[in-house]
Structures are given as structure tokens and as C-alpha cells.
Amino acid sequence: MKFLDWFALTLVIIGALNWGLVGFFNFDLISAVFGGGSHFVARTIFALVGLAGLYSLSIYGRLEALDVYHHAKGSH
């Protein structure tokens, strides 16, 4: 995987864990660590997580291509 894939995956995981904390415990870790949801750093992290989610949509196309490649090789 290239660097951008790893970076996006890491941000998506951070975002998912943060949403899990919000859902289960009503606790926003990103806002707590970086000074509230309206603080510039927290908003930047939220924006990066959102962009990483959009970028991660491209993984579907690459998974399809890998599936076709492995199917053509006869491996499952």
C-alpha cells in the first residue's frame, strides 16, 4: 500500500473510534484533546478524517481490481 492509503486508513480508524466514543459514552476525544470542537486543530482533524473517508472510497475500485486479478490467476 502506498503512504496515502496508510495515512487515510489511519485517519478513518481514528474517526471511527472517536464516533464510537461519542455513540457509547457521549465523549468526543478529538475535541477533548485539542480544545473543543470549534478549535482550529480539532476542526482540521475532523476535516482530514472526512477527506480520508472520501479518499477511502477509491479502495473499493482497487479491491474489485484485485479480486478480478486473483480470480484470473485461479487463486481464491
N, C-alpha and C. Protein backbone atom coordinates (compact mmCIF):
# COMPACT_ATOMS: atom_id res chain seq x y z
N MET A 1 0.85 -1.18 0.00
CA MET A 1 0.00 0.00 0.00
C MET A 1 0.88 1.23 0.00
N LYS A 2 0.43 2.23 -0.66
CA LYS A 2 1.19 3.46 -0.67
C LYS A 2 0.90 4.30 0.57
N PHE A 3 1.75 5.28 0.80
CA PHE A 3 1.65 6.10 2.01
C PHE A 3 0.26 6.71 2.19
N LEU A 4 -0.30 7.26 1.13
CA LEU A 4 -1.61 7.91 1.24
C LEU A 4 -2.69 6.93 1.69
N ASP A 5 -2.60 5.68 1.23
CA ASP A 5 -3.56 4.66 1.66
C ASP A 5 -3.43 4.41 3.17
N TRP A 6 -2.21 4.27 3.63
CA TRP A 6 -1.98 4.03 5.07
C TRP A 6 -2.45 5.23 5.89
N PHE A 7 -2.12 6.42 5.43
CA PHE A 7 -2.50 7.64 6.14
C PHE A 7 -4.02 7.75 6.21
N ALA A 8 -4.69 7.53 5.09
CA ALA A 8 -6.15 7.61 5.05
C ALA A 8 -6.78 6.55 5.95
N LEU A 9 -6.25 5.34 5.89
CA LEU A 9 -6.78 4.27 6.74
C LEU A 9 -6.63 4.62 8.21
N THR A 10 -5.48 5.17 8.58
CA THR A 10 -5.25 5.56 9.97
C THR A 10 -6.24 6.63 10.41
N LEU A 11 -6.47 7.63 9.56
CA LEU A 11 -7.42 8.68 9.90
C LEU A 11 -8.85 8.15 9.98
N VAL A 12 -9.21 7.25 9.09
CA VAL A 12 -10.56 6.66 9.13
C VAL A 12 -10.74 5.87 10.43
N ILE A 13 -9.73 5.14 10.84
CA ILE A 13 -9.81 4.39 12.10
C ILE A 13 -9.94 5.34 13.29
N ILE A 14 -9.15 6.42 13.30
CA ILE A 14 -9.26 7.42 14.36
C ILE A 14 -10.67 7.99 14.40
N GLY A 15 -11.20 8.32 13.23
CA GLY A 15 -12.56 8.86 13.16
C GLY A 15 -13.59 7.86 13.65
N ALA A 16 -13.44 6.61 13.27
CA ALA A 16 -14.39 5.57 13.70
C ALA A 16 -14.33 5.37 15.22
N LEU A 17 -13.14 5.35 15.76
CA LEU A 17 -13.01 5.20 17.21
C LEU A 17 -13.60 6.40 17.93
N ASN A 18 -13.38 7.60 17.40
CA ASN A 18 -13.95 8.80 18.02
C ASN A 18 -15.47 8.75 17.97
N TRP A 19 -16.05 8.35 16.82
CA TRP A 19 -17.51 8.24 16.72
C TRP A 19 -18.04 7.15 17.66
N GLY A 20 -17.29 6.08 17.83
CA GLY A 20 -17.69 5.05 18.79
C GLY A 20 -17.75 5.60 20.21
N LEU A 21 -16.74 6.39 20.57
CA LEU A 21 -16.75 7.02 21.90
C LEU A 21 -17.92 7.98 22.05
N VAL A 22 -18.23 8.73 21.00
CA VAL A 22 -19.38 9.65 21.04
C VAL A 22 -20.67 8.85 21.21
N GLY A 23 -20.79 7.77 20.43
CA GLY A 23 -22.02 6.97 20.47
C GLY A 23 -22.23 6.24 21.78
N PHE A 24 -21.17 5.66 22.31
CA PHE A 24 -21.32 4.86 23.53
C PHE A 24 -21.24 5.68 24.82
N PHE A 25 -20.41 6.72 24.81
CA PHE A 25 -20.14 7.44 26.06
C PHE A 25 -20.38 8.94 25.98
N ASN A 26 -20.88 9.43 24.82
CA ASN A 26 -21.09 10.85 24.62
C ASN A 26 -19.81 11.63 24.92
N PHE A 27 -18.66 11.09 24.48
CA PHE A 27 -17.36 11.71 24.72
C PHE A 27 -16.62 11.86 23.40
N ASP A 28 -16.30 13.09 23.06
CA ASP A 28 -15.58 13.39 21.83
C ASP A 28 -14.10 13.56 22.18
N LEU A 29 -13.32 12.53 21.96
CA LEU A 29 -11.90 12.53 22.33
C LEU A 29 -11.12 13.60 21.57
N ILE A 30 -11.37 13.75 20.29
CA ILE A 30 -10.65 14.74 19.49
C ILE A 30 -10.87 16.14 20.05
N SER A 31 -12.11 16.47 20.34
CA SER A 31 -12.41 17.79 20.90
C SER A 31 -11.80 17.95 22.29
N ALA A 32 -11.84 16.89 23.08
CA ALA A 32 -11.28 16.95 24.44
C ALA A 32 -9.77 17.18 24.41
N VAL A 33 -9.08 16.50 23.49
CA VAL A 33 -7.62 16.61 23.42
C VAL A 33 -7.20 17.94 22.80
N PHE A 34 -7.93 18.40 21.80
CA PHE A 34 -7.49 19.57 21.05
C PHE A 34 -8.32 20.82 21.32
N GLY A 35 -8.98 20.90 22.45
CA GLY A 35 -9.56 22.16 22.89
C GLY A 35 -10.95 22.49 22.38
N GLY A 36 -11.79 21.53 22.19
CA GLY A 36 -13.16 21.80 21.78
C GLY A 36 -13.37 21.67 20.28
N GLY A 37 -14.61 21.35 19.90
CA GLY A 37 -14.94 21.10 18.51
C GLY A 37 -14.80 22.31 17.60
N SER A 38 -14.80 23.52 18.19
CA SER A 38 -14.67 24.70 17.35
C SER A 38 -13.22 25.18 17.26
N HIS A 39 -12.31 24.54 17.97
CA HIS A 39 -10.90 24.91 17.92
C HIS A 39 -10.32 24.52 16.56
N PHE A 40 -9.41 25.35 16.04
CA PHE A 40 -8.86 25.15 14.70
C PHE A 40 -8.24 23.76 14.52
N VAL A 41 -7.47 23.29 15.50
CA VAL A 41 -6.79 22.00 15.36
C VAL A 41 -7.81 20.87 15.30
N ALA A 42 -8.81 20.90 16.18
CA ALA A 42 -9.85 19.86 16.17
C ALA A 42 -10.61 19.88 14.85
N ARG A 43 -10.97 21.06 14.38
CA ARG A 43 -11.70 21.16 13.11
C ARG A 43 -10.85 20.65 11.95
N THR A 44 -9.55 20.91 12.00
CA THR A 44 -8.65 20.42 10.95
C THR A 44 -8.60 18.90 10.96
N ILE A 45 -8.53 18.30 12.15
CA ILE A 45 -8.53 16.84 12.25
C ILE A 45 -9.84 16.27 11.73
N PHE A 46 -10.96 16.89 12.11
CA PHE A 46 -12.26 16.43 11.61
C PHE A 46 -12.31 16.50 10.08
N ALA A 47 -11.79 17.59 9.53
CA ALA A 47 -11.79 17.75 8.07
C ALA A 47 -10.90 16.70 7.41
N LEU A 48 -9.73 16.43 7.99
CA LEU A 48 -8.83 15.41 7.44
C LEU A 48 -9.46 14.03 7.50
N VAL A 49 -10.16 13.73 8.59
CA VAL A 49 -10.84 12.44 8.71
C VAL A 49 -11.92 12.33 7.62
N GLY A 50 -12.65 13.41 7.40
CA GLY A 50 -13.66 13.41 6.34
C GLY A 50 -13.05 13.20 4.96
N LEU A 51 -11.95 13.89 4.69
CA LEU A 51 -11.28 13.70 3.40
C LEU A 51 -10.72 12.29 3.26
N ALA A 52 -10.23 11.74 4.37
CA ALA A 52 -9.72 10.37 4.33
C ALA A 52 -10.84 9.38 4.02
N GLY A 53 -12.03 9.66 4.56
CA GLY A 53 -13.18 8.81 4.25
C GLY A 53 -13.53 8.86 2.78
N LEU A 54 -13.52 10.06 2.21
CA LEU A 54 -13.79 10.19 0.78
C LEU A 54 -12.73 9.49 -0.05
N TYR A 55 -11.47 9.68 0.32
CA TYR A 55 -10.38 9.01 -0.40
C TYR A 55 -10.51 7.49 -0.30
N SER A 56 -10.96 7.02 0.85
CA SER A 56 -11.08 5.57 1.07
C SER A 56 -12.11 4.93 0.16
N LEU A 57 -13.02 5.73 -0.40
CA LEU A 57 -13.96 5.18 -1.36
C LEU A 57 -13.24 4.59 -2.57
N SER A 58 -12.07 5.12 -2.88
CA SER A 58 -11.30 4.60 -4.01
C SER A 58 -10.80 3.17 -3.77
N ILE A 59 -10.78 2.77 -2.51
CA ILE A 59 -10.32 1.41 -2.19
C ILE A 59 -11.27 0.37 -2.80
N TYR A 60 -12.55 0.69 -2.88
CA TYR A 60 -13.50 -0.25 -3.48
C TYR A 60 -13.10 -0.62 -4.90
N GLY A 61 -12.72 0.35 -5.68
CA GLY A 61 -12.30 0.08 -7.06
C GLY A 61 -11.05 -0.77 -7.10
N ARG A 62 -10.11 -0.51 -6.19
CA ARG A 62 -8.88 -1.30 -6.18
C ARG A 62 -9.13 -2.71 -5.66
N LEU A 63 -10.07 -2.86 -4.74
CA LEU A 63 -10.42 -4.21 -4.27
C LEU A 63 -11.04 -5.02 -5.40
N GLU A 64 -11.89 -4.37 -6.17
CA GLU A 64 -12.51 -5.04 -7.32
C GLU A 64 -11.43 -5.48 -8.30
N ALA A 65 -10.47 -4.60 -8.57
CA ALA A 65 -9.39 -4.94 -9.50
C ALA A 65 -8.56 -6.10 -8.96
N LEU A 66 -8.29 -6.11 -7.65
CA LEU A 66 -7.54 -7.22 -7.04
C LEU A 66 -8.33 -8.52 -7.13
N ASP A 67 -9.64 -8.43 -6.90
CA ASP A 67 -10.48 -9.62 -6.97
C ASP A 67 -10.46 -10.21 -8.37
N VAL A 68 -10.58 -9.36 -9.37
CA VAL A 68 -10.53 -9.82 -10.76
C VAL A 68 -9.17 -10.44 -11.05
N TYR A 69 -8.11 -9.79 -10.58
CA TYR A 69 -6.74 -10.30 -10.80
C TYR A 69 -6.57 -11.68 -10.16
N HIS A 70 -6.97 -11.82 -8.90
CA HIS A 70 -6.82 -13.11 -8.22
C HIS A 70 -7.71 -14.19 -8.82
N HIS A 71 -8.90 -13.79 -9.25
CA HIS A 71 -9.81 -14.76 -9.87
C HIS A 71 -9.20 -15.24 -11.20
N ALA A 72 -8.60 -14.34 -11.95
CA ALA A 72 -7.99 -14.71 -13.24
C ALA A 72 -6.80 -15.63 -13.05
N LYS A 73 -6.09 -15.47 -11.93
CA LYS A 73 -4.94 -16.33 -11.64
C LYS A 73 -5.38 -17.69 -11.09
N GLY A 74 -6.65 -17.78 -10.68
CA GLY A 74 -7.14 -19.03 -10.15
C GLY A 74 -6.96 -19.19 -8.66
N SER A 75 -6.52 -18.14 -7.99
CA SER A 75 -6.38 -18.20 -6.53
C SER A 75 -7.60 -17.60 -5.87
N HIS A 76 -7.95 -18.14 -4.72
CA HIS A 76 -9.15 -17.66 -4.00
C HIS A 76 -8.80 -17.31 -2.61
